Amino acid sequence: MNAQREFFEPEIVAFCCHYCAYAAADMAGSMRLSYPTNVKIIKIPCSGKTDVLYLLKAFEAGADGVFVAG
């Protein structure tokens, strides 16, 4: 085995509902809880109205993973 391993850090884009998931992420920040730096949070008005084009654009921009949280 190679002593120097390269670790893959996927870039994740999280589309978070303003009233639910984003509020939880904001509260976690207020409590000084941390989450991985490779997760980028984007606040959206409502997770139910998320257009698939937003998800595809994130992949086009280089994201390795995308999820919608509500």
PDB file of N, CA and C in Angstrom:
ATOM      1  N   MET A   1       0.827  -1.187   0.000  1.00  0.00           N
ATOM      2  CA  MET A   1       0.000   0.000   0.000  1.00  0.00           C
ATOM      3  C   MET A   1       0.868   1.246   0.000  1.00  0.00           C
ATOM      4  N   ASN A   2       0.389   2.242  -0.644  1.00  0.00           N
ATOM      5  CA  ASN A   2       1.075   3.519  -0.719  1.00  0.00           C
ATOM      6  C   ASN A   2       0.934   4.257   0.615  1.00  0.00           C
ATOM      7  N   ALA A   3       2.057   4.711   1.168  1.00  0.00           N
ATOM      8  CA  ALA A   3       2.033   5.413   2.450  1.00  0.00           C
ATOM      9  C   ALA A   3       1.333   6.757   2.336  1.00  0.00           C
ATOM     10  N   GLN A   4       1.456   7.388   1.179  1.00  0.00           N
ATOM     11  CA  GLN A   4       0.792   8.674   0.979  1.00  0.00           C
ATOM     12  C   GLN A   4      -0.493   8.449   0.189  1.00  0.00           C
ATOM     13  N   ARG A   5      -1.578   8.432   0.884  1.00  0.00           N
ATOM     14  CA  ARG A   5      -2.869   8.246   0.215  1.00  0.00           C
ATOM     15  C   ARG A   5      -3.480   9.601  -0.080  1.00  0.00           C
ATOM     16  N   GLU A   6      -4.027   9.683  -1.249  1.00  0.00           N
ATOM     17  CA  GLU A   6      -4.767  10.892  -1.589  1.00  0.00           C
ATOM     18  C   GLU A   6      -6.236  10.647  -1.270  1.00  0.00           C
ATOM     19  N   PHE A   7      -6.827  11.572  -0.554  1.00  0.00           N
ATOM     20  CA  PHE A   7      -8.217  11.432  -0.148  1.00  0.00           C
ATOM     21  C   PHE A   7      -9.098  12.288  -1.044  1.00  0.00           C
ATOM     22  N   PHE A   8     -10.162  11.700  -1.480  1.00  0.00           N
ATOM     23  CA  PHE A   8     -11.129  12.404  -2.317  1.00  0.00           C
ATOM     24  C   PHE A   8     -12.107  13.144  -1.419  1.00  0.00           C
ATOM     25  N   GLU A   9     -12.193  14.437  -1.574  1.00  0.00           N
ATOM     26  CA  GLU A   9     -13.145  15.268  -0.839  1.00  0.00           C
ATOM     27  C   GLU A   9     -14.197  15.754  -1.817  1.00  0.00           C
ATOM     28  N   PRO A  10     -15.356  15.116  -1.865  1.00  0.00           N
ATOM     29  CA  PRO A  10     -16.381  15.532  -2.828  1.00  0.00           C
ATOM     30  C   PRO A  10     -16.944  16.904  -2.478  1.00  0.00           C
ATOM     31  N   GLU A  11     -17.221  17.677  -3.498  1.00  0.00           N
ATOM     32  CA  GLU A  11     -17.887  18.967  -3.317  1.00  0.00           C
ATOM     33  C   GLU A  11     -19.390  18.721  -3.347  1.00  0.00           C
ATOM     34  N   ILE A  12     -20.060  19.076  -2.266  1.00  0.00           N
ATOM     35  CA  ILE A  12     -21.495  18.832  -2.117  1.00  0.00           C
ATOM     36  C   ILE A  12     -22.217  20.169  -2.083  1.00  0.00           C
ATOM     37  N   VAL A  13     -23.288  20.280  -2.842  1.00  0.00           N
ATOM     38  CA  VAL A  13     -24.130  21.473  -2.827  1.00  0.00           C
ATOM     39  C   VAL A  13     -25.460  21.087  -2.179  1.00  0.00           C
ATOM     40  N   ALA A  14     -25.820  21.814  -1.139  1.00  0.00           N
ATOM     41  CA  ALA A  14     -27.058  21.558  -0.409  1.00  0.00           C
ATOM     42  C   ALA A  14     -28.027  22.712  -0.663  1.00  0.00           C
ATOM     43  N   PHE A  15     -29.140  22.408  -1.292  1.00  0.00           N
ATOM     44  CA  PHE A  15     -30.209  23.394  -1.476  1.00  0.00           C
ATOM     45  C   PHE A  15     -31.133  23.253  -0.274  1.00  0.00           C
ATOM     46  N   CYS A  16     -31.152  24.272   0.591  1.00  0.00           N
ATOM     47  CA  CYS A  16     -31.873  24.190   1.858  1.00  0.00           C
ATOM     48  C   CYS A  16     -33.045  25.163   1.895  1.00  0.00           C
ATOM     49  N   CYS A  17     -34.191  24.641   2.295  1.00  0.00           N
ATOM     50  CA  CYS A  17     -35.407  25.438   2.447  1.00  0.00           C
ATOM     51  C   CYS A  17     -35.172  26.528   3.496  1.00  0.00           C
ATOM     52  N   HIS A  18     -35.587  27.746   3.184  1.00  0.00           N
ATOM     53  CA  HIS A  18     -35.387  28.906   4.064  1.00  0.00           C
ATOM     54  C   HIS A  18     -35.965  28.671   5.454  1.00  0.00           C
ATOM     55  N   TYR A  19     -37.127  28.055   5.547  1.00  0.00           N
ATOM     56  CA  TYR A  19     -37.824  27.927   6.819  1.00  0.00           C
ATOM     57  C   TYR A  19     -37.470  26.670   7.593  1.00  0.00           C
ATOM     58  N   CYS A  20     -36.912  25.677   6.948  1.00  0.00           N
ATOM     59  CA  CYS A  20     -36.657  24.402   7.625  1.00  0.00           C
ATOM     60  C   CYS A  20     -35.162  24.115   7.745  1.00  0.00           C
ATOM     61  N   ALA A  21     -34.603  23.572   6.695  1.00  0.00           N
ATOM     62  CA  ALA A  21     -33.216  23.102   6.730  1.00  0.00           C
ATOM     63  C   ALA A  21     -32.222  24.242   6.895  1.00  0.00           C
ATOM     64  N   TYR A  22     -32.454  25.372   6.240  1.00  0.00           N
ATOM     65  CA  TYR A  22     -31.514  26.487   6.378  1.00  0.00           C
ATOM     66  C   TYR A  22     -31.553  27.039   7.798  1.00  0.00           C
ATOM     67  N   ALA A  23     -32.729  27.083   8.379  1.00  0.00           N
ATOM     68  CA  ALA A  23     -32.845  27.557   9.758  1.00  0.00           C
ATOM     69  C   ALA A  23     -32.076  26.633  10.697  1.00  0.00           C
ATOM     70  N   ALA A  24     -32.124  25.336  10.438  1.00  0.00           N
ATOM     71  CA  ALA A  24     -31.378  24.379  11.259  1.00  0.00           C
ATOM     72  C   ALA A  24     -29.871  24.566  11.085  1.00  0.00           C
ATOM     73  N   ALA A  25     -29.423  24.779   9.854  1.00  0.00           N
ATOM     74  CA  ALA A  25     -27.997  25.008   9.608  1.00  0.00           C
ATOM     75  C   ALA A  25     -27.544  26.318  10.256  1.00  0.00           C
ATOM     76  N   ASP A  26     -28.400  27.326  10.202  1.00  0.00           N
ATOM     77  CA  ASP A  26     -28.080  28.607  10.830  1.00  0.00           C
ATOM     78  C   ASP A  26     -27.975  28.455  12.344  1.00  0.00           C
ATOM     79  N   MET A  27     -28.876  27.688  12.928  1.00  0.00           N
ATOM     80  CA  MET A  27     -28.840  27.456  14.367  1.00  0.00           C
ATOM     81  C   MET A  27     -27.583  26.681  14.758  1.00  0.00           C
ATOM     82  N   ALA A  28     -27.204  25.713  13.938  1.00  0.00           N
ATOM     83  CA  ALA A  28     -25.979  24.961  14.209  1.00  0.00           C
ATOM     84  C   ALA A  28     -24.778  25.900  14.207  1.00  0.00           C
ATOM     85  N   GLY A  29     -24.764  26.855  13.282  1.00  0.00           N
ATOM     86  CA  GLY A  29     -23.688  27.837  13.253  1.00  0.00           C
ATOM     87  C   GLY A  29     -23.685  28.721  14.484  1.00  0.00           C
ATOM     88  N   SER A  30     -24.873  29.098  14.939  1.00  0.00           N
ATOM     89  CA  SER A  30     -24.985  29.916  16.147  1.00  0.00           C
ATOM     90  C   SER A  30     -24.490  29.169  17.376  1.00  0.00           C
ATOM     91  N   MET A  31     -24.652  27.848  17.360  1.00  0.00           N
ATOM     92  CA  MET A  31     -24.210  27.011  18.479  1.00  0.00           C
ATOM     93  C   MET A  31     -22.741  26.602  18.329  1.00  0.00           C
ATOM     94  N   ARG A  32     -22.101  27.131  17.276  1.00  0.00           N
ATOM     95  CA  ARG A  32     -20.701  26.835  16.977  1.00  0.00           C
ATOM     96  C   ARG A  32     -20.450  25.357  16.674  1.00  0.00           C
ATOM     97  N   LEU A  33     -21.462  24.696  16.117  1.00  0.00           N
ATOM     98  CA  LEU A  33     -21.277  23.333  15.639  1.00  0.00           C
ATOM     99  C   LEU A  33     -20.696  23.415  14.236  1.00  0.00           C
ATOM    100  N   SER A  34     -19.890  22.470  13.885  1.00  0.00           N
ATOM    101  CA  SER A  34     -19.258  22.537  12.575  1.00  0.00           C
ATOM    102  C   SER A  34     -19.812  21.460  11.652  1.00  0.00           C
ATOM    103  N   TYR A  35     -19.687  21.703  10.377  1.00  0.00           N
ATOM    104  CA  TYR A  35     -20.006  20.714   9.361  1.00  0.00           C
ATOM    105  C   TYR A  35     -18.886  20.761   8.333  1.00  0.00           C
ATOM    106  N   PRO A  36     -18.762  19.754   7.511  1.00  0.00           N
ATOM    107  CA  PRO A  36     -17.631  19.696   6.578  1.00  0.00           C
ATOM    108  C   PRO A  36     -17.562  20.921   5.670  1.00  0.00           C
ATOM    109  N   THR A  37     -16.351  21.364   5.398  1.00  0.00           N
ATOM    110  CA  THR A  37     -16.155  22.546   4.563  1.00  0.00           C
ATOM    111  C   THR A  37     -16.448  22.278   3.095  1.00  0.00           C
ATOM    112  N   ASN A  38     -16.571  21.017   2.723  1.00  0.00           N
ATOM    113  CA  ASN A  38     -16.854  20.697   1.324  1.00  0.00           C
ATOM    114  C   ASN A  38     -18.354  20.727   1.027  1.00  0.00           C
ATOM    115  N   VAL A  39     -19.180  21.075   2.012  1.00  0.00           N
ATOM    116  CA  VAL A  39     -20.625  21.215   1.807  1.00  0.00           C
ATOM    117  C   VAL A  39     -20.934  22.695   1.652  1.00  0.00           C
ATOM    118  N   LYS A  40     -21.498  23.063   0.522  1.00  0.00           N
ATOM    119  CA  LYS A  40     -21.874  24.451   0.251  1.00  0.00           C
ATOM    120  C   LYS A  40     -23.396  24.556   0.350  1.00  0.00           C
ATOM    121  N   ILE A  41     -23.870  25.435   1.215  1.00  0.00           N
ATOM    122  CA  ILE A  41     -25.309  25.583   1.441  1.00  0.00           C
ATOM    123  C   ILE A  41     -25.843  26.750   0.629  1.00  0.00           C
ATOM    124  N   ILE A  42     -26.928  26.479  -0.081  1.00  0.00           N
ATOM    125  CA  ILE A  42     -27.622  27.513  -0.842  1.00  0.00           C
ATOM    126  C   ILE A  42     -29.046  27.603  -0.302  1.00  0.00           C
ATOM    127  N   LYS A  43     -29.421  28.803   0.155  1.00  0.00           N
ATOM    128  CA  LYS A  43     -30.766  29.009   0.699  1.00  0.00           C
ATOM    129  C   LYS A  43     -31.752  29.209  -0.445  1.00  0.00           C
ATOM    130  N   ILE A  44     -32.841  28.460  -0.409  1.00  0.00           N
ATOM    131  CA  ILE A  44     -33.899  28.589  -1.409  1.00  0.00           C
ATOM    132  C   ILE A  44     -35.215  28.886  -0.677  1.00  0.00           C
ATOM    133  N   PRO A  45     -36.166  29.539  -1.340  1.00  0.00           N
ATOM    134  CA  PRO A  45     -37.420  29.896  -0.667  1.00  0.00           C
ATOM    135  C   PRO A  45     -38.226  28.679  -0.196  1.00  0.00           C
ATOM    136  N   CYS A  46     -38.267  27.634  -0.996  1.00  0.00           N
ATOM    137  CA  CYS A  46     -39.063  26.456  -0.640  1.00  0.00           C
ATOM    138  C   CYS A  46     -38.496  25.236  -1.357  1.00  0.00           C
ATOM    139  N   SER A  47     -38.263  24.172  -0.634  1.00  0.00           N
ATOM    140  CA  SER A  47     -37.695  22.972  -1.257  1.00  0.00           C
ATOM    141  C   SER A  47     -38.674  22.325  -2.233  1.00  0.00           C
ATOM    142  N   GLY A  48     -39.961  22.532  -2.018  1.00  0.00           N
ATOM    143  CA  GLY A  48     -40.972  21.955  -2.903  1.00  0.00           C
ATOM    144  C   GLY A  48     -40.996  22.582  -4.285  1.00  0.00           C
ATOM    145  N   LYS A  49     -40.456  23.764  -4.412  1.00  0.00           N
ATOM    146  CA  LYS A  49     -40.441  24.456  -5.697  1.00  0.00           C
ATOM    147  C   LYS A  49     -39.085  24.384  -6.385  1.00  0.00           C
ATOM    148  N   THR A  50     -38.199  23.516  -5.908  1.00  0.00           N
ATOM    149  CA  THR A  50     -36.862  23.405  -6.493  1.00  0.00           C
ATOM    150  C   THR A  50     -36.971  22.853  -7.906  1.00  0.00           C
ATOM    151  N   ASP A  51     -36.389  23.556  -8.847  1.00  0.00           N
ATOM    152  CA  ASP A  51     -36.397  23.132 -10.242  1.00  0.00           C
ATOM    153  C   ASP A  51     -35.196  22.232 -10.490  1.00  0.00           C
ATOM    154  N   VAL A  52     -35.388  21.181 -11.225  1.00  0.00           N
ATOM    155  CA  VAL A  52     -34.306  20.243 -11.524  1.00  0.00           C
ATOM    156  C   VAL A  52     -33.149  20.939 -12.239  1.00  0.00           C
ATOM    157  N   LEU A  53     -33.429  22.033 -12.920  1.00  0.00           N
ATOM    158  CA  LEU A  53     -32.365  22.776 -13.592  1.00  0.00           C
ATOM    159  C   LEU A  53     -31.331  23.309 -12.604  1.00  0.00           C
ATOM    160  N   TYR A  54     -31.757  23.697 -11.387  1.00  0.00           N
ATOM    161  CA  TYR A  54     -30.811  24.154 -10.370  1.00  0.00           C
ATOM    162  C   TYR A  54     -29.850  23.023 -10.002  1.00  0.00           C
ATOM    163  N   LEU A  55     -30.379  21.834  -9.881  1.00  0.00           N
ATOM    164  CA  LEU A  55     -29.553  20.683  -9.515  1.00  0.00           C
ATOM    165  C   LEU A  55     -28.565  20.355 -10.623  1.00  0.00           C
ATOM    166  N   LEU A  56     -29.043  20.373 -11.854  1.00  0.00           N
ATOM    167  CA  LEU A  56     -28.166  20.072 -12.981  1.00  0.00           C
ATOM    168  C   LEU A  56     -27.088  21.137 -13.158  1.00  0.00           C
ATOM    169  N   LYS A  57     -27.449  22.404 -12.921  1.00  0.00           N
ATOM    170  CA  LYS A  57     -26.466  23.485 -13.026  1.00  0.00           C
ATOM    171  C   LYS A  57     -25.359  23.318 -11.980  1.00  0.00           C
ATOM    172  N   ALA A  58     -25.711  22.831 -10.809  1.00  0.00           N
ATOM    173  CA  ALA A  58     -24.699  22.605  -9.777  1.00  0.00           C
ATOM    174  C   ALA A  58     -23.705  21.534 -10.237  1.00  0.00           C
ATOM    175  N   PHE A  59     -24.214  20.475 -10.863  1.00  0.00           N
ATOM    176  CA  PHE A  59     -23.318  19.445 -11.394  1.00  0.00           C
ATOM    177  C   PHE A  59     -22.443  20.011 -12.511  1.00  0.00           C
ATOM    178  N   GLU A  60     -23.040  20.829 -13.364  1.00  0.00           N
ATOM    179  CA  GLU A  60     -22.272  21.452 -14.444  1.00  0.00           C
ATOM    180  C   GLU A  60     -21.164  22.352 -13.903  1.00  0.00           C
ATOM    181  N   ALA A  61     -21.415  22.972 -12.761  1.00  0.00           N
ATOM    182  CA  ALA A  61     -20.430  23.872 -12.153  1.00  0.00           C
ATOM    183  C   ALA A  61     -19.347  23.115 -11.389  1.00  0.00           C
ATOM    184  N   GLY A  62     -19.452  21.786 -11.337  1.00  0.00           N
ATOM    185  CA  GLY A  62     -18.391  20.995 -10.718  1.00  0.00           C
ATOM    186  C   GLY A  62     -18.740  20.281  -9.434  1.00  0.00           C
ATOM    187  N   ALA A  63     -19.984  20.335  -9.005  1.00  0.00           N
ATOM    188  CA  ALA A  63     -20.366  19.635  -7.776  1.00  0.00           C
ATOM    189  C   ALA A  63     -20.312  18.123  -7.995  1.00  0.00           C
ATOM    190  N   ASP A  64     -19.853  17.416  -6.974  1.00  0.00           N
ATOM    191  CA  ASP A  64     -19.822  15.957  -7.028  1.00  0.00           C
ATOM    192  C   ASP A  64     -21.136  15.355  -6.532  1.00  0.00           C
ATOM    193  N   GLY A  65     -21.844  16.106  -5.705  1.00  0.00           N
ATOM    194  CA  GLY A  65     -23.119  15.649  -5.175  1.00  0.00           C
ATOM    195  C   GLY A  65     -24.012  16.822  -4.884  1.00  0.00           C
ATOM    196  N   VAL A  66     -25.308  16.592  -4.961  1.00  0.00           N
ATOM    197  CA  VAL A  66     -26.309  17.631  -4.735  1.00  0.00           C
ATOM    198  C   VAL A  66     -27.445  17.024  -3.946  1.00  0.00           C
ATOM    199  N   PHE A  67     -27.972  17.766  -2.976  1.00  0.00           N
ATOM    200  CA  PHE A  67     -29.186  17.305  -2.312  1.00  0.00           C
ATOM    201  C   PHE A  67     -30.075  18.482  -1.945  1.00  0.00           C
ATOM    202  N   VAL A  68     -31.343  18.171  -1.775  1.00  0.00           N
ATOM    203  CA  VAL A  68     -32.349  19.159  -1.407  1.00  0.00           C
ATOM    204  C   VAL A  68     -32.827  18.795  -0.012  1.00  0.00           C
ATOM    205  N   ALA A  69     -32.768  19.762   0.903  1.00  0.00           N
ATOM    206  CA  ALA A  69     -33.191  19.516   2.284  1.00  0.00           C
ATOM    207  C   ALA A  69     -34.353  20.445   2.612  1.00  0.00           C
ATOM    208  N   GLY A  70     -35.369  19.873   3.206  1.00  0.00           N
ATOM    209  CA  GLY A  70     -36.543  20.657   3.575  1.00  0.00           C
ATOM    210  C   GLY A  70     -36.907  20.456   5.002  1.00  0.00           C
TER     211      GLY A  70
END
